[in-house]
N, C-alpha and C. Protein backbone atom coordinates (compact mmCIF):
# COMPACT_ATOMS: atom_id res chain seq x y z
N GLN A 1 98.30 88.42 64.70
CA GLN A 1 97.55 87.19 64.55
C GLN A 1 96.26 87.46 63.81
N ASN A 2 95.78 86.45 63.10
CA ASN A 2 94.51 86.65 62.42
C ASN A 2 93.36 86.41 63.39
N THR A 3 92.15 86.77 62.97
CA THR A 3 91.01 86.68 63.88
C THR A 3 90.63 85.26 64.21
N SER A 4 90.82 84.31 63.28
CA SER A 4 90.45 82.93 63.60
C SER A 4 91.36 82.37 64.69
N THR A 5 92.63 82.74 64.68
CA THR A 5 93.54 82.30 65.74
C THR A 5 93.12 82.92 67.07
N ASN A 6 92.76 84.20 67.05
CA ASN A 6 92.32 84.85 68.28
C ASN A 6 91.05 84.20 68.82
N ASN A 7 90.13 83.86 67.95
CA ASN A 7 88.90 83.22 68.40
C ASN A 7 89.18 81.88 69.05
N ILE A 8 90.07 81.10 68.45
CA ILE A 8 90.39 79.79 69.02
C ILE A 8 91.06 79.98 70.38
N THR A 9 92.00 80.91 70.46
CA THR A 9 92.71 81.14 71.71
C THR A 9 91.75 81.64 72.78
N ASN A 10 90.88 82.57 72.43
CA ASN A 10 89.94 83.12 73.41
C ASN A 10 88.93 82.09 73.86
N ASN A 11 88.54 81.18 73.00
CA ASN A 11 87.56 80.18 73.38
C ASN A 11 88.10 79.16 74.37
N THR A 12 89.42 79.02 74.46
CA THR A 12 89.97 78.05 75.41
C THR A 12 89.77 78.49 76.85
N ASN A 13 89.49 79.77 77.06
CA ASN A 13 89.27 80.27 78.41
C ASN A 13 87.80 80.50 78.72
N ASN A 14 86.91 80.01 77.89
CA ASN A 14 85.50 80.22 78.08
C ASN A 14 85.00 79.38 79.25
N THR A 15 84.50 80.06 80.29
CA THR A 15 83.96 79.33 81.45
C THR A 15 82.49 79.66 81.63
N ASP A 16 81.79 79.94 80.54
CA ASP A 16 80.38 80.27 80.61
C ASP A 16 79.60 79.06 81.10
N THR A 17 78.97 79.18 82.24
CA THR A 17 78.22 78.06 82.83
C THR A 17 76.73 78.35 82.87
N ASN A 18 76.31 79.46 82.27
CA ASN A 18 74.92 79.88 82.27
C ASN A 18 74.41 80.16 83.68
N ASN A 19 75.28 80.39 84.61
CA ASN A 19 74.88 80.85 85.94
C ASN A 19 75.98 81.75 86.48
N SER A 20 75.76 82.30 87.66
CA SER A 20 76.71 83.28 88.18
C SER A 20 77.87 82.63 88.94
N GLU A 21 77.82 81.34 89.20
CA GLU A 21 78.90 80.68 89.91
C GLU A 21 80.04 80.34 88.97
N GLU A 22 81.25 80.34 89.49
CA GLU A 22 82.41 79.96 88.69
C GLU A 22 82.40 78.45 88.47
N CYS A 23 82.68 78.07 87.25
CA CYS A 23 82.68 76.66 86.89
C CYS A 23 84.08 76.07 87.10
N ILE A 24 84.14 74.90 87.70
CA ILE A 24 85.39 74.15 87.80
C ILE A 24 85.20 72.92 86.93
N TYR A 25 85.90 72.88 85.82
CA TYR A 25 85.74 71.81 84.84
C TYR A 25 86.63 70.63 85.22
N LEU A 26 86.03 69.46 85.44
CA LEU A 26 86.78 68.29 85.88
C LEU A 26 86.78 67.15 84.86
N ASP A 27 86.15 67.33 83.72
CA ASP A 27 86.06 66.25 82.73
C ASP A 27 87.12 66.39 81.66
N TYR A 28 88.39 66.28 82.05
CA TYR A 28 89.48 66.39 81.10
C TYR A 28 89.76 65.08 80.39
N ASN A 29 88.95 64.08 80.62
CA ASN A 29 89.13 62.79 79.95
C ASN A 29 88.91 62.91 78.45
N GLY A 30 87.91 63.66 78.04
CA GLY A 30 87.58 63.78 76.62
C GLY A 30 88.24 64.96 75.95
N THR A 31 88.35 66.08 76.64
CA THR A 31 88.95 67.28 76.07
C THR A 31 89.80 67.97 77.12
N THR A 32 90.87 68.56 76.66
CA THR A 32 91.76 69.30 77.55
C THR A 32 92.16 70.59 76.85
N PRO A 33 92.04 71.72 77.52
CA PRO A 33 92.47 72.96 76.88
C PRO A 33 93.98 72.96 76.66
N ILE A 34 94.39 73.60 75.59
CA ILE A 34 95.81 73.67 75.24
C ILE A 34 96.39 74.95 75.84
N ASP A 35 97.52 74.84 76.48
CA ASP A 35 98.22 75.99 77.01
C ASP A 35 98.53 76.95 75.86
N ARG A 36 98.40 78.25 76.11
CA ARG A 36 98.63 79.25 75.06
C ARG A 36 100.02 79.14 74.44
N ARG A 37 101.03 78.81 75.24
CA ARG A 37 102.40 78.69 74.71
C ARG A 37 102.53 77.50 73.78
N VAL A 38 101.85 76.42 74.11
CA VAL A 38 101.86 75.23 73.24
C VAL A 38 101.13 75.55 71.95
N PHE A 39 99.99 76.20 72.07
CA PHE A 39 99.22 76.58 70.89
C PHE A 39 100.03 77.46 69.96
N ALA A 40 100.71 78.46 70.53
CA ALA A 40 101.52 79.37 69.72
C ALA A 40 102.65 78.62 69.02
N ALA A 41 103.27 77.68 69.72
CA ALA A 41 104.36 76.91 69.12
C ALA A 41 103.86 75.97 68.03
N MET A 42 102.62 75.53 68.13
CA MET A 42 102.06 74.57 67.17
C MET A 42 101.50 75.22 65.91
N ILE A 43 101.18 76.51 65.95
CA ILE A 43 100.54 77.16 64.80
C ILE A 43 101.27 76.90 63.48
N PRO A 44 102.61 77.04 63.40
CA PRO A 44 103.26 76.79 62.11
C PRO A 44 103.05 75.35 61.59
N TYR A 45 102.94 74.40 62.51
CA TYR A 45 102.81 73.00 62.11
C TYR A 45 101.36 72.60 61.86
N LEU A 46 100.44 73.46 62.24
CA LEU A 46 99.03 73.24 61.94
C LEU A 46 98.61 73.96 60.67
N THR A 47 99.40 74.94 60.24
CA THR A 47 99.01 75.75 59.09
C THR A 47 99.94 75.65 57.89
N MET A 48 101.27 75.54 58.12
CA MET A 48 102.22 75.56 57.01
C MET A 48 103.03 74.27 56.88
N HIS A 49 103.57 73.79 57.97
CA HIS A 49 104.48 72.64 57.96
C HIS A 49 103.75 71.40 58.48
N PHE A 50 102.76 70.94 57.75
CA PHE A 50 101.92 69.85 58.24
C PHE A 50 102.24 68.52 57.59
N GLY A 51 103.42 68.38 57.02
CA GLY A 51 103.81 67.12 56.39
C GLY A 51 104.01 66.03 57.43
N ASN A 52 103.95 64.80 56.97
CA ASN A 52 104.12 63.64 57.84
C ASN A 52 105.59 63.54 58.25
N PRO A 53 105.90 63.66 59.55
CA PRO A 53 107.29 63.62 59.98
C PRO A 53 107.95 62.25 59.79
N SER A 54 107.14 61.23 59.58
CA SER A 54 107.69 59.88 59.37
C SER A 54 107.99 59.58 57.91
N SER A 55 107.61 60.49 57.03
CA SER A 55 107.82 60.25 55.60
C SER A 55 109.21 60.72 55.18
N SER A 56 109.63 60.25 54.03
CA SER A 56 110.98 60.60 53.55
C SER A 56 110.98 61.81 52.62
N HIS A 57 109.81 62.35 52.26
CA HIS A 57 109.79 63.49 51.35
C HIS A 57 110.04 64.81 52.10
N ALA A 58 110.30 65.85 51.34
CA ALA A 58 110.69 67.15 51.90
C ALA A 58 109.63 67.76 52.80
N TYR A 59 108.36 67.48 52.54
CA TYR A 59 107.29 68.07 53.35
C TYR A 59 107.35 67.60 54.81
N GLY A 60 107.97 66.47 55.06
CA GLY A 60 108.07 65.96 56.42
C GLY A 60 109.30 66.43 57.17
N ALA A 61 110.22 67.12 56.50
CA ALA A 61 111.48 67.51 57.14
C ALA A 61 111.28 68.50 58.29
N ALA A 62 110.50 69.54 58.10
CA ALA A 62 110.30 70.54 59.16
C ALA A 62 109.57 69.94 60.37
N PRO A 63 108.48 69.19 60.16
CA PRO A 63 107.84 68.57 61.33
C PRO A 63 108.76 67.59 62.05
N LYS A 64 109.56 66.83 61.30
CA LYS A 64 110.48 65.88 61.94
C LYS A 64 111.52 66.61 62.77
N ALA A 65 112.08 67.69 62.23
CA ALA A 65 113.06 68.49 62.98
C ALA A 65 112.43 69.08 64.24
N ALA A 66 111.19 69.53 64.14
CA ALA A 66 110.50 70.11 65.29
C ALA A 66 110.28 69.05 66.38
N ILE A 67 109.89 67.86 65.97
CA ILE A 67 109.69 66.78 66.94
C ILE A 67 111.01 66.40 67.59
N ASP A 68 112.07 66.28 66.80
CA ASP A 68 113.39 65.94 67.35
C ASP A 68 113.85 67.01 68.34
N ASN A 69 113.66 68.28 67.99
CA ASN A 69 114.05 69.38 68.89
C ASN A 69 113.22 69.37 70.17
N ALA A 70 111.92 69.09 70.04
CA ALA A 70 111.05 69.03 71.22
C ALA A 70 111.48 67.89 72.14
N ARG A 71 111.81 66.75 71.56
CA ARG A 71 112.28 65.62 72.37
C ARG A 71 113.56 65.96 73.11
N LEU A 72 114.49 66.63 72.44
CA LEU A 72 115.73 67.04 73.09
C LEU A 72 115.46 68.05 74.21
N ALA A 73 114.55 68.98 73.96
CA ALA A 73 114.22 69.97 74.99
C ALA A 73 113.64 69.30 76.22
N ILE A 74 112.76 68.32 76.02
CA ILE A 74 112.18 67.59 77.14
C ILE A 74 113.25 66.79 77.87
N LEU A 75 114.13 66.15 77.12
CA LEU A 75 115.23 65.39 77.71
C LEU A 75 116.08 66.29 78.60
N HIS A 76 116.39 67.50 78.11
CA HIS A 76 117.22 68.42 78.89
C HIS A 76 116.46 68.99 80.09
N LEU A 77 115.13 69.08 80.01
CA LEU A 77 114.36 69.51 81.18
C LEU A 77 114.35 68.43 82.25
N LEU A 78 114.20 67.19 81.82
CA LEU A 78 114.15 66.08 82.77
C LEU A 78 115.53 65.73 83.33
N TYR A 79 116.54 65.83 82.49
CA TYR A 79 117.90 65.48 82.88
C TYR A 79 118.85 66.61 82.49
N PRO A 80 118.93 67.65 83.30
CA PRO A 80 119.73 68.82 82.93
C PRO A 80 121.20 68.51 82.68
N ASN A 81 121.73 67.48 83.30
CA ASN A 81 123.15 67.14 83.14
C ASN A 81 123.37 66.01 82.15
N ILE A 82 122.42 65.76 81.29
CA ILE A 82 122.51 64.63 80.35
C ILE A 82 123.74 64.76 79.45
N HIS A 83 124.08 65.97 79.04
CA HIS A 83 125.24 66.16 78.16
C HIS A 83 126.52 65.72 78.87
N ASN A 84 126.66 66.12 80.14
CA ASN A 84 127.83 65.72 80.91
C ASN A 84 127.87 64.21 81.12
N MET A 85 126.69 63.62 81.40
CA MET A 85 126.63 62.17 81.61
C MET A 85 126.99 61.42 80.34
N MET A 86 126.53 61.91 79.20
CA MET A 86 126.82 61.23 77.93
C MET A 86 128.30 61.35 77.59
N ASN A 87 128.89 62.53 77.83
CA ASN A 87 130.32 62.70 77.57
C ASN A 87 131.15 61.81 78.48
N SER A 88 130.75 61.73 79.74
CA SER A 88 131.46 60.88 80.69
C SER A 88 131.35 59.41 80.29
N ASN A 89 130.17 59.01 79.86
CA ASN A 89 129.94 57.62 79.44
C ASN A 89 130.77 57.31 78.19
N ASN A 90 130.83 58.23 77.25
CA ASN A 90 131.62 58.01 76.03
C ASN A 90 133.11 57.92 76.36
N THR A 91 133.57 58.74 77.30
CA THR A 91 134.98 58.69 77.70
C THR A 91 135.29 57.35 78.36
N ASN A 92 134.40 56.88 79.24
CA ASN A 92 134.60 55.59 79.89
C ASN A 92 134.62 54.46 78.88
N ASN A 93 133.70 54.50 77.92
CA ASN A 93 133.66 53.46 76.90
C ASN A 93 134.93 53.47 76.06
N SER A 94 135.41 54.68 75.74
CA SER A 94 136.63 54.79 74.96
C SER A 94 137.82 54.24 75.75
N ASN A 95 137.90 54.59 77.02
CA ASN A 95 138.98 54.08 77.86
C ASN A 95 138.91 52.57 78.00
N ASN A 96 137.69 52.03 78.15
CA ASN A 96 137.53 50.58 78.27
C ASN A 96 137.95 49.87 77.01
N SER A 97 137.58 50.43 75.85
CA SER A 97 137.95 49.75 74.59
C SER A 97 139.45 49.82 74.37
N ASN A 98 140.08 50.93 74.78
CA ASN A 98 141.54 51.03 74.65
C ASN A 98 142.25 50.04 75.56
N SER A 99 141.75 49.88 76.78
CA SER A 99 142.42 48.96 77.70
C SER A 99 142.16 47.50 77.29
N ASN A 100 141.02 47.24 76.66
CA ASN A 100 140.71 45.88 76.22
C ASN A 100 141.50 45.49 74.97
N SER A 101 141.96 46.49 74.22
CA SER A 101 142.68 46.18 73.00
C SER A 101 144.15 45.82 73.26
N ASN A 102 144.63 46.09 74.47
CA ASN A 102 146.04 45.79 74.79
C ASN A 102 146.24 44.35 75.13
């Protein structure tokens, strides 16, 4: 990693309160530190792949794919059996349409 990335990462853990007591920061309304794993995953999209994911040009393709993949990952975290549920639903719909066509 370059030094500017290290400085940003190290500054997220700064708890300097100008006294010897440990600071407990409760004002997350305006600013919230970014988890190191999120920061690491975002670096390519903050430095190289920063195109608008809603645009139709090539610069937006990588960010759009990353957003789509992130949404799928969250979906699978929230609903681990979503693939089975979707397959079951598609099978039921197919069976219903076949029985309705007779």
